[in-house]
PDB file of N, CA and C in Angstrom:
ATOM      1  N   MET A   1       2.874  10.581   6.324  1.00  0.00           N
ATOM      2  CA  MET A   1       2.106  10.165   7.469  1.00  0.00           C
ATOM      3  C   MET A   1       1.265  11.304   8.016  1.00  0.00           C
ATOM      4  N   ALA A   2       1.444  12.496   7.547  1.00  0.00           N
ATOM      5  CA  ALA A   2       0.725  13.634   8.109  1.00  0.00           C
ATOM      6  C   ALA A   2      -0.784  13.483   7.964  1.00  0.00           C
ATOM      7  N   ARG A   3      -1.247  12.827   6.924  1.00  0.00           N
ATOM      8  CA  ARG A   3      -2.687  12.681   6.714  1.00  0.00           C
ATOM      9  C   ARG A   3      -3.183  11.265   6.960  1.00  0.00           C
ATOM     10  N   ALA A   4      -2.339  10.405   7.466  1.00  0.00           N
ATOM     11  CA  ALA A   4      -2.742   9.027   7.722  1.00  0.00           C
ATOM     12  C   ALA A   4      -3.590   8.937   8.983  1.00  0.00           C
ATOM     13  N   LEU A   5      -4.542   8.033   8.939  1.00  0.00           N
ATOM     14  CA  LEU A   5      -5.365   7.763  10.115  1.00  0.00           C
ATOM     15  C   LEU A   5      -4.628   6.781  11.012  1.00  0.00           C
ATOM     16  N   PRO A   6      -4.904   6.795  12.294  1.00  0.00           N
ATOM     17  CA  PRO A   6      -4.199   5.891  13.215  1.00  0.00           C
ATOM     18  C   PRO A   6      -4.277   4.421  12.809  1.00  0.00           C
ATOM     19  N   ASP A   7      -5.399   3.984  12.238  1.00  0.00           N
ATOM     20  CA  ASP A   7      -5.511   2.571  11.845  1.00  0.00           C
ATOM     21  C   ASP A   7      -4.848   2.282  10.496  1.00  0.00           C
ATOM     22  N   GLU A   8      -4.208   3.280   9.892  1.00  0.00           N
ATOM     23  CA  GLU A   8      -3.485   3.096   8.637  1.00  0.00           C
ATOM     24  C   GLU A   8      -1.968   3.060   8.842  1.00  0.00           C
ATOM     25  N   ILE A   9      -1.524   3.137  10.080  1.00  0.00           N
ATOM     26  CA  ILE A   9      -0.093   3.179  10.392  1.00  0.00           C
ATOM     27  C   ILE A   9       0.299   1.911  11.134  1.00  0.00           C
ATOM     28  N   ILE A  10       1.375   1.285  10.680  1.00  0.00           N
ATOM     29  CA  ILE A  10       1.902   0.095  11.349  1.00  0.00           C
ATOM     30  C   ILE A  10       3.371   0.340  11.645  1.00  0.00           C
ATOM     31  N   PHE A  11       3.752   0.166  12.874  1.00  0.00           N
ATOM     32  CA  PHE A  11       5.152   0.282  13.253  1.00  0.00           C
ATOM     33  C   PHE A  11       5.773  -1.109  13.271  1.00  0.00           C
ATOM     34  N   VAL A  12       6.936  -1.235  12.662  1.00  0.00           N
ATOM     35  CA  VAL A  12       7.658  -2.505  12.633  1.00  0.00           C
ATOM     36  C   VAL A  12       9.053  -2.284  13.213  1.00  0.00           C
ATOM     37  N   ARG A  13       9.747  -3.371  13.482  1.00  0.00           N
ATOM     38  CA  ARG A  13      11.071  -3.277  14.104  1.00  0.00           C
ATOM     39  C   ARG A  13      12.149  -2.813  13.139  1.00  0.00           C
ATOM     40  N   GLY A  14      11.953  -3.023  11.847  1.00  0.00           N
ATOM     41  CA  GLY A  14      12.978  -2.624  10.886  1.00  0.00           C
ATOM     42  C   GLY A  14      12.489  -2.779   9.458  1.00  0.00           C
ATOM     43  N   ALA A  15      13.345  -2.404   8.520  1.00  0.00           N
ATOM     44  CA  ALA A  15      12.988  -2.440   7.104  1.00  0.00           C
ATOM     45  C   ALA A  15      12.682  -3.859   6.627  1.00  0.00           C
ATOM     46  N   THR A  16      13.460  -4.836   7.073  1.00  0.00           N
ATOM     47  CA  THR A  16      13.238  -6.213   6.641  1.00  0.00           C
ATOM     48  C   THR A  16      11.852  -6.696   7.052  1.00  0.00           C
ATOM     49  N   GLU A  17      11.466  -6.428   8.275  1.00  0.00           N
ATOM     50  CA  GLU A  17      10.135  -6.832   8.727  1.00  0.00           C
ATOM     51  C   GLU A  17       9.051  -6.110   7.926  1.00  0.00           C
ATOM     52  N   GLY A  18       9.267  -4.836   7.628  1.00  0.00           N
ATOM     53  CA  GLY A  18       8.302  -4.077   6.847  1.00  0.00           C
ATOM     54  C   GLY A  18       8.139  -4.625   5.436  1.00  0.00           C
ATOM     55  N   ILE A  19       9.252  -4.961   4.796  1.00  0.00           N
ATOM     56  CA  ILE A  19       9.198  -5.524   3.435  1.00  0.00           C
ATOM     57  C   ILE A  19       8.483  -6.868   3.445  1.00  0.00           C
ATOM     58  N   ASN A  20       8.812  -7.699   4.420  1.00  0.00           N
ATOM     59  CA  ASN A  20       8.126  -8.992   4.526  1.00  0.00           C
ATOM     60  C   ASN A  20       6.630  -8.809   4.732  1.00  0.00           C
ATOM     61  N   LEU A  21       6.253  -7.833   5.526  1.00  0.00           N
ATOM     62  CA  LEU A  21       4.842  -7.556   5.783  1.00  0.00           C
ATOM     63  C   LEU A  21       4.125  -7.117   4.508  1.00  0.00           C
ATOM     64  N   VAL A  22       4.746  -6.250   3.738  1.00  0.00           N
ATOM     65  CA  VAL A  22       4.139  -5.794   2.477  1.00  0.00           C
ATOM     66  C   VAL A  22       3.990  -6.957   1.500  1.00  0.00           C
ATOM     67  N   ALA A  23       5.025  -7.766   1.357  1.00  0.00           N
ATOM     68  CA  ALA A  23       4.952  -8.906   0.443  1.00  0.00           C
ATOM     69  C   ALA A  23       3.882  -9.899   0.882  1.00  0.00           C
ATOM     70  N   ALA A  24       3.786 -10.122   2.185  1.00  0.00           N
ATOM     71  CA  ALA A  24       2.843 -11.114   2.701  1.00  0.00           C
ATOM     72  C   ALA A  24       1.401 -10.630   2.707  1.00  0.00           C
ATOM     73  N   THR A  25       1.172  -9.328   2.750  1.00  0.00           N
ATOM     74  CA  THR A  25      -0.205  -8.826   2.818  1.00  0.00           C
ATOM     75  C   THR A  25      -0.636  -8.240   1.476  1.00  0.00           C
ATOM     76  N   PHE A  26      -0.050  -7.135   1.093  1.00  0.00           N
ATOM     77  CA  PHE A  26      -0.391  -6.505  -0.183  1.00  0.00           C
ATOM     78  C   PHE A  26      -0.133  -7.471  -1.339  1.00  0.00           C
ATOM     79  N   GLY A  27       1.027  -8.112  -1.306  1.00  0.00           N
ATOM     80  CA  GLY A  27       1.394  -9.023  -2.389  1.00  0.00           C
ATOM     81  C   GLY A  27       0.440 -10.189  -2.530  1.00  0.00           C
ATOM     82  N   GLN A  28       0.064 -10.798  -1.417  1.00  0.00           N
ATOM     83  CA  GLN A  28      -0.858 -11.928  -1.469  1.00  0.00           C
ATOM     84  C   GLN A  28      -2.220 -11.536  -2.037  1.00  0.00           C
ATOM     85  N   GLN A  29      -2.636 -10.307  -1.805  1.00  0.00           N
ATOM     86  CA  GLN A  29      -3.949  -9.862  -2.273  1.00  0.00           C
ATOM     87  C   GLN A  29      -3.924  -9.339  -3.700  1.00  0.00           C
ATOM     88  N   HIS A  30      -2.799  -8.796  -4.145  1.00  0.00           N
ATOM     89  CA  HIS A  30      -2.792  -8.078  -5.411  1.00  0.00           C
ATOM     90  C   HIS A  30      -1.911  -8.678  -6.505  1.00  0.00           C
ATOM     91  N   ILE A  31      -1.098  -9.659  -6.197  1.00  0.00           N
ATOM     92  CA  ILE A  31      -0.240 -10.287  -7.203  1.00  0.00           C
ATOM     93  C   ILE A  31      -0.868 -11.610  -7.614  1.00  0.00           C
ATOM     94  N   GLY A  32      -0.913 -11.850  -8.921  1.00  0.00           N
ATOM     95  CA  GLY A  32      -1.495 -13.085  -9.424  1.00  0.00           C
ATOM     96  C   GLY A  32      -0.605 -13.744 -10.456  1.00  0.00           C
ATOM     97  N   GLU A  33      -1.071 -14.853 -10.973  1.00  0.00           N
ATOM     98  CA  GLU A  33      -0.315 -15.603 -11.967  1.00  0.00           C
ATOM     99  C   GLU A  33      -0.057 -14.742 -13.198  1.00  0.00           C
ATOM    100  N   GLY A  34       1.186 -14.723 -13.636  1.00  0.00           N
ATOM    101  CA  GLY A  34       1.569 -13.943 -14.811  1.00  0.00           C
ATOM    102  C   GLY A  34       1.913 -12.497 -14.523  1.00  0.00           C
ATOM    103  N   ASP A  35       1.627 -12.013 -13.318  1.00  0.00           N
ATOM    104  CA  ASP A  35       2.009 -10.639 -12.961  1.00  0.00           C
ATOM    105  C   ASP A  35       3.529 -10.548 -12.870  1.00  0.00           C
ATOM    106  N   GLU A  36       4.026  -9.334 -12.925  1.00  0.00           N
ATOM    107  CA  GLU A  36       5.461  -9.106 -12.817  1.00  0.00           C
ATOM    108  C   GLU A  36       5.777  -8.288 -11.571  1.00  0.00           C
ATOM    109  N   ILE A  37       6.763  -8.751 -10.833  1.00  0.00           N
ATOM    110  CA  ILE A  37       7.277  -8.042  -9.664  1.00  0.00           C
ATOM    111  C   ILE A  37       8.647  -7.513 -10.071  1.00  0.00           C
ATOM    112  N   VAL A  38       8.869  -6.223  -9.922  1.00  0.00           N
ATOM    113  CA  VAL A  38      10.115  -5.608 -10.379  1.00  0.00           C
ATOM    114  C   VAL A  38      10.973  -5.193  -9.186  1.00  0.00           C
ATOM    115  N   ILE A  39      12.204  -5.661  -9.185  1.00  0.00           N
ATOM    116  CA  ILE A  39      13.203  -5.240  -8.213  1.00  0.00           C
ATOM    117  C   ILE A  39      14.423  -4.753  -8.999  1.00  0.00           C
ATOM    118  N   THR A  40      15.405  -4.215  -8.316  1.00  0.00           N
ATOM    119  CA  THR A  40      16.610  -3.774  -9.013  1.00  0.00           C
ATOM    120  C   THR A  40      17.794  -4.644  -8.624  1.00  0.00           C
ATOM    121  N   ASN A  41      18.861  -4.514  -9.391  1.00  0.00           N
ATOM    122  CA  ASN A  41      20.083  -5.261  -9.111  1.00  0.00           C
ATOM    123  C   ASN A  41      20.792  -4.742  -7.858  1.00  0.00           C
ATOM    124  N   LEU A  42      20.326  -3.653  -7.303  1.00  0.00           N
ATOM    125  CA  LEU A  42      20.970  -3.068  -6.129  1.00  0.00           C
ATOM    126  C   LEU A  42      20.268  -3.417  -4.820  1.00  0.00           C
ATOM    127  N   GLU A  43      19.258  -4.284  -4.887  1.00  0.00           N
ATOM    128  CA  GLU A  43      18.500  -4.622  -3.681  1.00  0.00           C
ATOM    129  C   GLU A  43      19.338  -5.425  -2.694  1.00  0.00           C
ATOM    130  N   HIS A  44      19.106  -5.182  -1.425  1.00  0.00           N
ATOM    131  CA  HIS A  44      19.685  -5.991  -0.366  1.00  0.00           C
ATOM    132  C   HIS A  44      18.993  -7.351  -0.395  1.00  0.00           C
ATOM    133  N   HIS A  45      19.698  -8.386  -0.009  1.00  0.00           N
ATOM    134  CA  HIS A  45      19.142  -9.740  -0.022  1.00  0.00           C
ATOM    135  C   HIS A  45      17.809  -9.829   0.702  1.00  0.00           C
ATOM    136  N   ALA A  46      17.660  -9.064   1.771  1.00  0.00           N
ATOM    137  CA  ALA A  46      16.415  -9.093   2.548  1.00  0.00           C
ATOM    138  C   ALA A  46      15.231  -8.544   1.757  1.00  0.00           C
ATOM    139  N   ASN A  47      15.482  -7.799   0.679  1.00  0.00           N
ATOM    140  CA  ASN A  47      14.393  -7.300  -0.155  1.00  0.00           C
ATOM    141  C   ASN A  47      14.215  -8.146  -1.405  1.00  0.00           C
ATOM    142  N   ILE A  48      14.997  -9.175  -1.578  1.00  0.00           N
ATOM    143  CA  ILE A  48      14.843 -10.064  -2.736  1.00  0.00           C
ATOM    144  C   ILE A  48      14.017 -11.287  -2.361  1.00  0.00           C
ATOM    145  N   VAL A  49      14.365 -11.913  -1.258  1.00  0.00           N
ATOM    146  CA  VAL A  49      13.745 -13.183  -0.869  1.00  0.00           C
ATOM    147  C   VAL A  49      12.221 -13.111  -0.728  1.00  0.00           C
ATOM    148  N   PRO A  50      11.647 -12.096  -0.063  1.00  0.00           N
ATOM    149  CA  PRO A  50      10.178 -12.081   0.055  1.00  0.00           C
ATOM    150  C   PRO A  50       9.485 -12.030  -1.308  1.00  0.00           C
ATOM    151  N   TRP A  51      10.088 -11.313  -2.257  1.00  0.00           N
ATOM    152  CA  TRP A  51       9.492 -11.203  -3.585  1.00  0.00           C
ATOM    153  C   TRP A  51       9.694 -12.482  -4.383  1.00  0.00           C
ATOM    154  N   GLN A  52      10.822 -13.175  -4.189  1.00  0.00           N
ATOM    155  CA  GLN A  52      11.018 -14.486  -4.815  1.00  0.00           C
ATOM    156  C   GLN A  52       9.972 -15.467  -4.303  1.00  0.00           C
ATOM    157  N   GLN A  53       9.762 -15.480  -3.002  1.00  0.00           N
ATOM    158  CA  GLN A  53       8.785 -16.391  -2.406  1.00  0.00           C
ATOM    159  C   GLN A  53       7.380 -16.086  -2.902  1.00  0.00           C
ATOM    160  N   LEU A  54       7.044 -14.804  -2.989  1.00  0.00           N
ATOM    161  CA  LEU A  54       5.720 -14.416  -3.467  1.00  0.00           C
ATOM    162  C   LEU A  54       5.537 -14.809  -4.925  1.00  0.00           C
ATOM    163  N   ALA A  55       6.549 -14.552  -5.750  1.00  0.00           N
ATOM    164  CA  ALA A  55       6.469 -14.920  -7.169  1.00  0.00           C
ATOM    165  C   ALA A  55       6.269 -16.423  -7.317  1.00  0.00           C
ATOM    166  N   PHE A  56       7.001 -17.210  -6.549  1.00  0.00           N
ATOM    167  CA  PHE A  56       6.868 -18.665  -6.592  1.00  0.00           C
ATOM    168  C   PHE A  56       5.463 -19.099  -6.172  1.00  0.00           C
ATOM    169  N   ALA A  57       4.966 -18.528  -5.100  1.00  0.00           N
ATOM    170  CA  ALA A  57       3.649 -18.916  -4.577  1.00  0.00           C
ATOM    171  C   ALA A  57       2.515 -18.535  -5.517  1.00  0.00           C
ATOM    172  N   LYS A  58       2.664 -17.421  -6.227  1.00  0.00           N
ATOM    173  CA  LYS A  58       1.580 -16.906  -7.063  1.00  0.00           C
ATOM    174  C   LYS A  58       1.746 -17.201  -8.552  1.00  0.00           C
ATOM    175  N   GLY A  59       2.887 -17.752  -8.955  1.00  0.00           N
ATOM    176  CA  GLY A  59       3.123 -17.987 -10.383  1.00  0.00           C
ATOM    177  C   GLY A  59       3.413 -16.701 -11.134  1.00  0.00           C
ATOM    178  N   ALA A  60       3.992 -15.743 -10.439  1.00  0.00           N
ATOM    179  CA  ALA A  60       4.316 -14.444 -11.044  1.00  0.00           C
ATOM    180  C   ALA A  60       5.753 -14.466 -11.555  1.00  0.00           C
ATOM    181  N   LYS A  61       6.123 -13.431 -12.289  1.00  0.00           N
ATOM    182  CA  LYS A  61       7.489 -13.278 -12.783  1.00  0.00           C
ATOM    183  C   LYS A  61       8.215 -12.252 -11.928  1.00  0.00           C
ATOM    184  N   LEU A  62       9.450 -12.556 -11.584  1.00  0.00           N
ATOM    185  CA  LEU A  62      10.298 -11.614 -10.864  1.00  0.00           C
ATOM    186  C   LEU A  62      11.270 -11.034 -11.880  1.00  0.00           C
ATOM    187  N   ARG A  63      11.200  -9.723 -12.079  1.00  0.00           N
ATOM    188  CA  ARG A  63      12.072  -9.064 -13.053  1.00  0.00           C
ATOM    189  C   ARG A  63      13.093  -8.218 -12.319  1.00  0.00           C
ATOM    190  N   VAL A  64      14.303  -8.189 -12.867  1.00  0.00           N
ATOM    191  CA  VAL A  64      15.390  -7.430 -12.269  1.00  0.00           C
ATOM    192  C   VAL A  64      15.797  -6.321 -13.229  1.00  0.00           C
ATOM    193  N   ALA A  65      15.647  -5.084 -12.778  1.00  0.00           N
ATOM    194  CA  ALA A  65      16.074  -3.926 -13.568  1.00  0.00           C
ATOM    195  C   ALA A  65      17.511  -3.611 -13.180  1.00  0.00           C
ATOM    196  N   GLN A  66      18.379  -3.586 -14.158  1.00  0.00           N
ATOM    197  CA  GLN A  66      19.782  -3.253 -13.922  1.00  0.00           C
ATOM    198  C   GLN A  66      19.921  -1.739 -13.950  1.00  0.00           C
ATOM    199  N   LEU A  67      20.268  -1.158 -12.828  1.00  0.00           N
ATOM    200  CA  LEU A  67      20.446   0.283 -12.765  1.00  0.00           C
ATOM    201  C   LEU A  67      21.857   0.638 -13.221  1.00  0.00           C
ATOM    202  N   MET A  68      21.929   1.489 -14.224  1.00  0.00           N
ATOM    203  CA  MET A  68      23.224   1.892 -14.761  1.00  0.00           C
ATOM    204  C   MET A  68      23.627   3.265 -14.222  1.00  0.00           C
ATOM    205  N   THR A  69      22.711   4.204 -14.310  1.00  0.00           N
ATOM    206  CA  THR A  69      22.913   5.548 -13.769  1.00  0.00           C
ATOM    207  C   THR A  69      21.607   5.959 -13.125  1.00  0.00           C
ATOM    208  N   ALA A  70      21.569   7.134 -12.606  1.00  0.00           N
ATOM    209  CA  ALA A  70      20.338   7.604 -11.961  1.00  0.00           C
ATOM    210  C   ALA A  70      19.186   7.704 -12.951  1.00  0.00           C
ATOM    211  N   ALA A  71      19.480   7.850 -14.224  1.00  0.00           N
ATOM    212  CA  ALA A  71      18.425   8.092 -15.214  1.00  0.00           C
ATOM    213  C   ALA A  71      18.166   6.913 -16.142  1.00  0.00           C
ATOM    214  N   HIS A  72      18.982   5.877 -16.107  1.00  0.00           N
ATOM    215  CA  HIS A  72      18.843   4.789 -17.072  1.00  0.00           C
ATOM    216  C   HIS A  72      18.798   3.426 -16.390  1.00  0.00           C
ATOM    217  N   CYS A  73      17.970   2.564 -16.935  1.00  0.00           N
ATOM    218  CA  CYS A  73      17.956   1.179 -16.487  1.00  0.00           C
ATOM    219  C   CYS A  73      17.575   0.297 -17.668  1.00  0.00           C
ATOM    220  N   PHE A  74      17.881  -0.974 -17.596  1.00  0.00           N
ATOM    221  CA  PHE A  74      17.469  -1.911 -18.625  1.00  0.00           C
ATOM    222  C   PHE A  74      17.220  -3.268 -17.984  1.00  0.00           C
ATOM    223  N   TRP A  75      16.414  -4.093 -18.650  1.00  0.00           N
ATOM    224  CA  TRP A  75      16.072  -5.411 -18.120  1.00  0.00           C
ATOM    225  C   TRP A  75      17.152  -6.392 -18.510  1.00  0.00           C
ATOM    226  N   THR A  76      17.596  -7.190 -17.561  1.00  0.00           N
ATOM    227  CA  THR A  76      18.561  -8.233 -17.879  1.00  0.00           C
ATOM    228  C   THR A  76      18.035  -9.620 -17.560  1.00  0.00           C
ATOM    229  N   SER A  77      17.025  -9.697 -16.738  1.00  0.00           N
ATOM    230  CA  SER A  77      16.556 -11.038 -16.405  1.00  0.00           C
ATOM    231  C   SER A  77      15.091 -11.009 -16.017  1.00  0.00           C
ATOM    232  N   SER A  78      14.488 -12.150 -16.231  1.00  0.00           N
ATOM    233  CA  SER A  78      13.114 -12.360 -15.810  1.00  0.00           C
ATOM    234  C   SER A  78      13.032 -13.812 -15.371  1.00  0.00           C
ATOM    235  N   VAL A  79      12.551 -14.043 -14.183  1.00  0.00           N
ATOM    236  CA  VAL A  79      12.456 -15.393 -13.654  1.00  0.00           C
ATOM    237  C   VAL A  79      10.994 -15.734 -13.468  1.00  0.00           C
ATOM    238  N   SER A  80      10.552 -16.808 -14.080  1.00  0.00           N
ATOM    239  CA  SER A  80       9.171 -17.280 -13.890  1.00  0.00           C
ATOM    240  C   SER A  80       9.185 -18.459 -12.955  1.00  0.00           C
ATOM    241  N   TYR A  81       8.216 -18.491 -12.072  1.00  0.00           N
ATOM    242  CA  TYR A  81       8.101 -19.609 -11.142  1.00  0.00           C
ATOM    243  C   TYR A  81       6.851 -20.381 -11.432  1.00  0.00           C
TER     244      TYR A  81
END
């Protein structure tokens, strides 16, 4: 934030509201049909639902990366809407 302009900063009440805001604004503008949204198996439910809704609305794929260790991950699922 040290180099951000005042009109580039948005304060929200919490992480859930911030995630919903990103999915609803950035996601709506930049995610399209066939795109992939990647989350991990360690996400809190509040960080899964906005991306599921966006994938459904845009016809994108929601992919889940299974985190095994700090250095390794692998794909276990891909959901198309």
